[in-house]
């Protein structure tokens, strides 16, 4: 069961990864199409903004030629930007080759200075929004941090986790859950009926009588009975075989004769030990040659 559960989880993970990869491919395709259309559109008005859409190097400029784009590389020049107050507000001002210039609306190019080139106090410098602040202690361009962001694609934030129910299934598989539920009233009724059958007024007496009735049956199992029958049969066969051997051979006379010979030999040995050495020497000398 655990292996099937792990396999099911792996299947879901692979399915989620495939869905995520498919969504990424679709999103990349849509973004590529939108970026191309945006670059073609911006190239008709400002080549620097069109180059920034395609994430080209900083000093790059695109010139729109129908559905095609011409890439141009510009010269990078570092300038110091100050401000000049005019009737249209503070205008970016920089001096290059002894001439006054202002920053273009693309934030990268420079153009001849004009009193009303910028229509508001917010200007674009290197792709970021700045505002000129002037007081007694400080004068300069201060970057403005945006507070409202454009909405993004509605992507999947997270996949739903698969709940792990192995512990619950293990509890349900306990033998205690497999037994049938019994009603308390039925149990009491059955106990009262058994007490009346045994003619006993106590529950302990009924239980003891039940144990006495089933004591003999519980002493031996069917395997024990089988062992008793086998050993009894073997013993009976061995007894018949021994009796048959005794009837055919009749070893009792041989045993009695052997017993008598041993007694005579033991008696002769005792008599020999009782004769003195002086009596044995004449007997040895007078022995026939």
Protein backbone atom coordinates (compact mmCIF):
# COMPACT_ATOMS: atom_id res chain seq x y z
CA UNK A 1 0.00 0.00 0.00
CA UNK A 2 2.86 2.36 0.83
CA UNK A 3 4.55 1.72 -2.54
CA UNK A 4 1.31 2.50 -4.41
CA UNK A 5 0.92 5.71 -2.43
CA UNK A 6 4.50 6.80 -3.27
CA UNK A 7 3.98 5.98 -6.93
CA UNK A 8 0.77 8.03 -6.96
CA UNK A 9 2.58 11.00 -5.41
CA UNK A 10 5.38 10.77 -7.98
CA UNK A 11 2.77 10.66 -10.75
CA UNK A 12 1.16 13.84 -9.42
CA UNK A 13 4.54 15.57 -9.12
CA UNK A 14 5.42 14.72 -12.72
CA UNK A 15 1.99 15.92 -13.84
CA UNK A 16 2.48 19.23 -12.02
CA UNK A 17 5.95 19.65 -13.55
CA UNK A 18 4.58 19.03 -17.04
CA UNK A 19 1.80 21.57 -16.50
CA UNK A 20 4.31 24.10 -15.19
CA UNK A 21 6.67 23.53 -18.15
CA UNK A 22 3.76 23.93 -20.58
CA UNK A 23 2.67 27.15 -18.91
CA UNK A 24 6.23 28.52 -18.99
CA UNK A 25 6.53 27.75 -22.71
CA UNK A 26 3.23 29.45 -23.46
CA UNK A 27 4.15 32.47 -21.36
CA UNK A 28 7.57 32.75 -23.04
CA UNK A 29 5.95 32.56 -26.46
CA UNK A 30 3.43 35.30 -25.60
CA UNK A 31 6.12 37.52 -24.09
CA UNK A 32 8.34 37.09 -27.15
CA UNK A 33 5.50 38.09 -29.48
CA UNK A 34 4.58 41.09 -27.32
CA UNK A 35 8.19 42.24 -27.05
CA UNK A 36 8.64 42.05 -30.81
CA UNK A 37 5.45 44.02 -31.46
CA UNK A 38 6.40 46.57 -28.83
CA UNK A 39 9.90 46.95 -30.26
CA UNK A 40 8.54 47.44 -33.79
CA UNK A 41 6.08 50.05 -32.51
CA UNK A 42 8.60 51.95 -30.38
CA UNK A 43 11.20 51.93 -33.15
CA UNK A 44 8.93 54.29 -35.13
CA UNK A 45 9.14 56.93 -32.38
CA UNK A 46 12.23 56.22 -30.21
CA UNK A 47 14.95 53.71 -31.07
CA UNK A 48 16.47 53.71 -27.55
CA UNK A 49 13.21 52.58 -25.93
CA UNK A 50 12.80 49.89 -28.58
CA UNK A 51 16.32 48.60 -27.82
CA UNK A 52 15.60 48.54 -24.08
CA UNK A 53 12.49 46.42 -24.68
CA UNK A 54 14.64 43.74 -26.35
CA UNK A 55 17.24 44.08 -23.54
CA UNK A 56 19.99 45.14 -25.92
CA UNK A 57 23.14 46.93 -24.66
CA UNK A 58 22.70 50.44 -23.28
CA UNK A 59 24.12 52.34 -26.25
CA UNK A 60 21.89 50.60 -28.80
CA UNK A 61 19.26 52.12 -31.06
CA UNK A 62 16.67 50.42 -33.25
CA UNK A 63 15.31 51.96 -36.41
CA UNK A 64 12.06 50.54 -37.70
CA UNK A 65 11.93 49.48 -41.36
CA UNK A 66 8.53 47.87 -41.76
CA UNK A 67 8.62 44.44 -40.06
CA UNK A 68 12.44 44.59 -39.85
CA UNK A 69 14.61 46.51 -37.39
CA UNK A 70 17.98 48.16 -37.97
CA UNK A 71 20.33 48.02 -34.99
CA UNK A 72 22.65 51.02 -34.48
CA UNK A 73 25.35 51.41 -31.82
CA UNK A 74 25.73 54.84 -30.26
CA UNK A 75 28.71 56.55 -28.64
CA UNK A 76 28.69 56.44 -24.85
CA UNK A 77 29.38 59.81 -23.21
CA UNK A 78 29.34 60.55 -19.47
CA UNK A 79 27.92 63.95 -18.57
CA UNK A 80 26.99 65.83 -15.38
CA UNK A 81 23.33 66.80 -15.25
CA UNK A 82 22.16 69.85 -13.31
CA UNK A 83 18.93 71.85 -13.57
CA UNK A 84 17.87 75.25 -14.85
CA UNK A 85 14.70 76.96 -13.78
CA UNK A 86 12.52 78.15 -16.64
CA UNK A 87 8.90 79.16 -17.08
CA UNK A 88 8.08 75.46 -17.56
CA UNK A 89 9.86 74.45 -14.36
CA UNK A 90 13.28 72.93 -13.77
CA UNK A 91 14.83 71.52 -16.94
CA UNK A 92 17.76 69.05 -17.05
CA UNK A 93 20.90 70.83 -18.19
CA UNK A 94 24.30 69.49 -19.20
CA UNK A 95 27.24 71.08 -21.00
CA UNK A 96 28.97 69.11 -23.76
CA UNK A 97 31.54 70.61 -26.11
CA UNK A 98 30.77 74.06 -24.68
CA UNK A 99 27.11 73.76 -25.66
CA UNK A 100 23.99 73.42 -23.52
CA UNK A 101 22.05 70.20 -23.87
CA UNK A 102 19.12 68.54 -22.14
CA UNK A 103 18.30 64.87 -21.67
CA UNK A 104 15.90 63.28 -24.16
CA UNK A 105 12.63 61.75 -23.06
CA UNK A 106 14.14 58.29 -23.58
CA UNK A 107 16.53 59.01 -20.68
CA UNK A 108 19.72 58.26 -22.65
CA UNK A 109 20.15 60.71 -25.50
CA UNK A 110 21.05 64.43 -25.35
CA UNK A 111 19.35 67.21 -27.32
CA UNK A 112 19.85 70.95 -27.66
CA UNK A 113 18.53 72.75 -24.59
CA UNK A 114 15.01 74.15 -24.73
CA UNK A 115 13.15 75.98 -21.98
CA UNK A 116 10.03 73.81 -22.26
CA UNK A 117 11.46 70.48 -23.44
CA UNK A 118 10.09 68.72 -20.32
CA UNK A 119 6.46 69.54 -19.53
CA UNK A 120 6.58 68.42 -15.86
CA UNK A 121 8.97 68.35 -12.94
CA UNK A 122 9.53 64.60 -13.36
CA UNK A 123 12.26 63.61 -15.83
CA UNK A 124 13.67 60.36 -17.13
CA UNK A 125 17.39 59.83 -16.45
CA UNK A 126 18.88 56.47 -17.49
CA UNK A 127 15.47 54.84 -17.42
CA UNK A 128 14.60 56.02 -13.89
CA UNK A 129 12.30 58.82 -12.75
CA UNK A 130 13.88 61.81 -10.98
CA UNK A 131 12.60 65.04 -9.45
CA UNK A 132 14.64 68.18 -8.85
CA UNK A 133 14.69 69.25 -5.21
CA UNK A 134 16.13 72.62 -4.22
CA UNK A 135 16.40 74.05 -0.70
CA UNK A 136 18.90 75.81 1.52
CA UNK A 137 20.90 72.68 2.39
CA UNK A 138 20.60 70.50 -0.73
CA UNK A 139 20.01 70.79 -4.47
CA UNK A 140 19.91 67.82 -6.83
CA UNK A 141 17.96 65.19 -8.69
CA UNK A 142 16.22 62.71 -6.33
CA UNK A 143 15.05 59.35 -7.59
CA UNK A 144 11.34 58.69 -7.22
CA UNK A 145 10.43 55.20 -6.03
CA UNK A 146 7.24 53.82 -7.65
CA UNK A 147 4.47 52.72 -5.31
CA UNK A 148 2.02 51.09 -7.75
CA UNK A 149 3.18 48.20 -9.92
CA UNK A 150 1.57 46.92 -13.08
CA UNK A 151 -0.39 43.65 -12.74
CA UNK A 152 1.43 40.44 -13.60
CA UNK A 153 0.24 37.25 -15.20
CA UNK A 154 -2.05 35.11 -13.09
CA UNK A 155 0.36 32.23 -12.60
CA UNK A 156 -0.07 29.24 -10.33
CA UNK A 157 1.20 30.25 -6.90
CA UNK A 158 1.53 26.72 -5.58
CA UNK A 159 0.27 23.23 -6.24
CA UNK A 160 -2.07 21.57 -3.81
CA UNK A 161 -0.23 19.09 -1.62
CA UNK A 162 -1.36 15.50 -1.52
CA UNK A 163 -2.55 14.63 2.00
CA UNK A 164 -0.80 11.64 3.54
CA UNK A 165 -3.48 9.26 4.84
CA UNK A 166 -1.28 6.27 5.62
CA UNK A 167 -1.61 6.83 9.36
CA UNK A 168 -5.41 6.97 9.18
CA UNK A 169 -5.53 3.84 7.03
CA UNK A 170 -3.25 2.03 9.48
CA UNK A 171 -5.59 2.85 12.35
CA UNK A 172 -8.60 1.65 10.38
CA UNK A 173 -6.80 -1.60 9.63
CA UNK A 174 -6.42 -2.42 13.33
CA UNK A 175 -8.19 -5.67 14.35
CA UNK A 176 -10.26 -3.73 16.85
CA UNK A 177 -12.06 -2.01 13.98
CA UNK A 178 -12.83 -5.29 12.20
CA UNK A 179 -14.97 -6.71 15.04
CA UNK A 180 -18.70 -6.22 14.83
CA UNK A 181 -20.23 -3.72 17.20
CA UNK A 182 -22.48 -5.23 19.86
CA UNK A 183 -25.38 -3.52 21.53
CA UNK A 184 -25.14 -3.34 25.30
CA UNK A 185 -28.76 -4.43 25.76
CA UNK A 186 -28.21 -7.57 23.65
CA UNK A 187 -25.10 -8.47 25.66
CA UNK A 188 -27.00 -8.16 28.95
CA UNK A 189 -29.87 -10.24 27.59
CA UNK A 190 -27.50 -13.01 26.50
CA UNK A 191 -25.78 -13.05 29.91
CA UNK A 192 -29.10 -13.28 31.75
CA UNK A 193 -30.20 -16.14 29.49
CA UNK A 194 -27.00 -18.10 30.15
CA UNK A 195 -27.38 -17.60 33.91
CA UNK A 196 -30.90 -19.00 33.75
CA UNK A 197 -29.71 -22.00 31.70
CA UNK A 198 -27.05 -22.89 34.27
CA UNK A 199 -29.46 -22.39 37.20
CA UNK A 200 -26.83 -20.27 38.93
CA UNK A 201 -27.49 -16.95 40.59
CA UNK A 202 -24.00 -15.53 40.02
CA UNK A 203 -22.03 -14.69 36.91
CA UNK A 204 -18.84 -16.23 38.32
CA UNK A 205 -20.57 -19.58 38.81
CA UNK A 206 -21.78 -19.60 35.22
CA UNK A 207 -18.28 -18.85 33.95
CA UNK A 208 -16.76 -21.63 36.11
CA UNK A 209 -19.34 -24.14 34.89
CA UNK A 210 -18.62 -23.21 31.27
CA UNK A 211 -14.91 -23.71 31.94
CA UNK A 212 -15.50 -27.13 33.55
CA UNK A 213 -17.59 -28.26 30.59
CA UNK A 214 -14.99 -27.23 28.07
CA UNK A 215 -11.88 -28.18 30.14
CA UNK A 216 -11.35 -31.58 28.55
CA UNK A 217 -11.95 -30.32 25.04
CA UNK A 218 -9.46 -27.49 25.54
CA UNK A 219 -6.69 -29.74 26.92
CA UNK A 220 -5.77 -31.30 23.58
CA UNK A 221 -5.92 -30.05 20.06
CA UNK A 222 -6.36 -32.24 16.97
CA UNK A 223 -2.58 -32.37 16.49
CA UNK A 224 -2.15 -33.71 20.02
CA UNK A 225 -4.76 -36.39 19.35
CA UNK A 226 -2.96 -37.35 16.15
CA UNK A 227 0.36 -37.68 17.99
CA UNK A 228 -1.21 -39.88 20.67
CA UNK A 229 -2.72 -42.21 18.05
CA UNK A 230 0.58 -42.49 16.13
CA UNK A 231 2.70 -43.25 19.21
CA UNK A 232 0.15 -45.75 20.51
CA UNK A 233 0.15 -47.59 17.18
CA UNK A 234 3.97 -47.69 17.09
CA UNK A 235 4.11 -49.01 20.68
CA UNK A 236 1.58 -51.72 19.96
CA UNK A 237 3.47 -52.88 16.85
CA UNK A 238 6.77 -52.97 18.77
CA UNK A 239 5.14 -55.01 21.54
CA UNK A 240 3.77 -57.59 19.03
CA UNK A 241 7.18 -57.81 17.33
CA UNK A 242 9.04 -58.44 20.60
CA UNK A 243 6.57 -61.11 21.66
CA UNK A 244 6.92 -62.83 18.28
CA UNK A 245 10.74 -62.87 18.62
CA UNK A 246 10.57 -64.36 22.09
CA UNK A 247 8.14 -67.02 20.90
CA UNK A 248 10.36 -68.06 17.99
CA UNK A 249 13.81 -67.89 19.60
CA UNK A 250 13.02 -68.72 23.26
CA UNK A 251 16.26 -67.24 24.73
CA UNK A 252 15.50 -68.25 28.33
CA UNK A 253 17.36 -71.67 28.32
CA UNK A 254 20.46 -70.10 26.81
CA UNK A 255 20.39 -67.36 29.37
CA UNK A 256 20.04 -69.86 32.24
CA UNK A 257 22.94 -72.01 30.89
CA UNK A 258 25.16 -68.94 30.52
CA UNK A 259 24.32 -67.90 34.04
CA UNK A 260 25.29 -71.37 35.40
CA UNK A 261 28.64 -71.43 33.55
CA UNK A 262 29.55 -68.07 34.96
CA UNK A 263 28.77 -69.28 38.48
CA UNK A 264 31.01 -72.40 38.05
CA UNK A 265 33.90 -70.35 36.70
CA UNK A 266 33.60 -67.93 39.59
CA UNK A 267 33.59 -70.88 42.08
CA UNK A 268 36.68 -72.53 40.53
CA UNK A 269 38.56 -69.25 40.73
CA UNK A 270 37.74 -68.98 44.41
CA UNK A 271 38.94 -72.57 45.05
CA UNK A 272 42.23 -71.94 43.25
CA UNK A 273 42.96 -68.88 45.33
CA UNK A 274 42.51 -70.91 48.57
CA UNK A 275 45.32 -73.59 47.78
CA UNK A 276 48.81 -72.80 49.38
CA UNK A 277 51.97 -72.33 47.22
CA UNK A 278 53.77 -75.40 48.73
CA UNK A 279 51.00 -77.71 47.53
CA UNK A 280 51.09 -76.24 44.03
CA UNK A 281 54.84 -76.93 43.48
CA UNK A 282 54.68 -80.81 43.89
CA UNK A 283 51.67 -80.80 41.68
CA UNK A 284 53.62 -78.93 39.01
CA UNK A 285 56.68 -81.23 39.40
CA UNK A 286 54.67 -84.43 39.23
CA UNK A 287 52.82 -83.33 36.21
CA UNK A 288 53.27 -85.76 33.27
CA UNK A 289 55.64 -84.68 30.55
